Amino acid sequence: MTDAPLRHPYLDHPGPVIPFAHRGGAADGLENTAAAFRRAADAGYRYFETDVHATADGKLVAFHDATLDRVTDGRGRIAERYWKDLRAVRVGGSEPLVLLEELLEEFPAARWNVDVKAESALHPLLNLIARARVWDRVCVGSFSEGRVARAQRMAGPRLATSYGVRGVVGLRLRSLAIPAALRAGAVAAQVPETQGGLRVVDRRFVRTAHARGLQVHVWTVNEPERMEALLDLGVDGIMTDRIDILRTVLDRRGVWA
């Protein structure tokens, strides 16, 4: 017996492995831009990974960092700026910032893995999902287990969530036959292949996740040999910046769908 959740429609993918375009495919530096997601869609991807921060007026920007400094020509914290003031900011000097709401509208067939980077973004995200009626198209994740647990409590089983760090640690301990508490209701464990020099994803980890009805999605994998090894372990999804390489690997194995 397991306490496995019912399969969420977010996971309904025609192939055995879900290919995720991480930040839209960030290899060229134009991460989390509409241009990046368009390129991924043109390459045949329908699962996109992105991150969200809330502006001072509650708009959800698809952006990884808390500050603009690393990848844009702007400066400062997103949470302290209004959306009208961010419209002139450019990623890589060329591409505008984009709201998650705009991405949901532009790519109606896409499914989104959304990393909630700050607590201030949680309520706006759940409100957007409800308003747009995209419960089957969004999976909410965060490094904070508490944050995704709160999201799940507020939205109920219609919301797909992945484990945060605490859940991943608990699942890893379970895979080593060490008792650990785990949150019920998650649909996936989204994990790095290794962390701090320690291996996270191995055959025992994948087997333990599958026994709980959880998929295993691994980030961020850009080398073909690592992709091949993870596929051999039976992982269910791979997130990559190199969308060209992942498609080639999956095509070669006959599992691109």
Foldseek 3Di string as FASTA:
>chain_A
DALADDAALLLPDPFQAAEEAEQLQCPPQQGVFPVSVVVLVVVPHQEYEFEWDAACVGFTWGDDDQFPPPFKPDTDGRNDHDPVVQQPIAGNDHTGIDTPLVVCVVRVRHAYEYEYEDLSNLVSVLVSCVVVVVLSRYEYEYLDQVSVVVSCVVPPLSHAYEGHVQQLVQLQCVLVVHHDDHDPRHAAHEEECADPPHGRDALSSCVSQVVSNHAYEYDEDEDLVVVVVNVVSSHHYYYYSCSVSVVVSCVVVVRDD
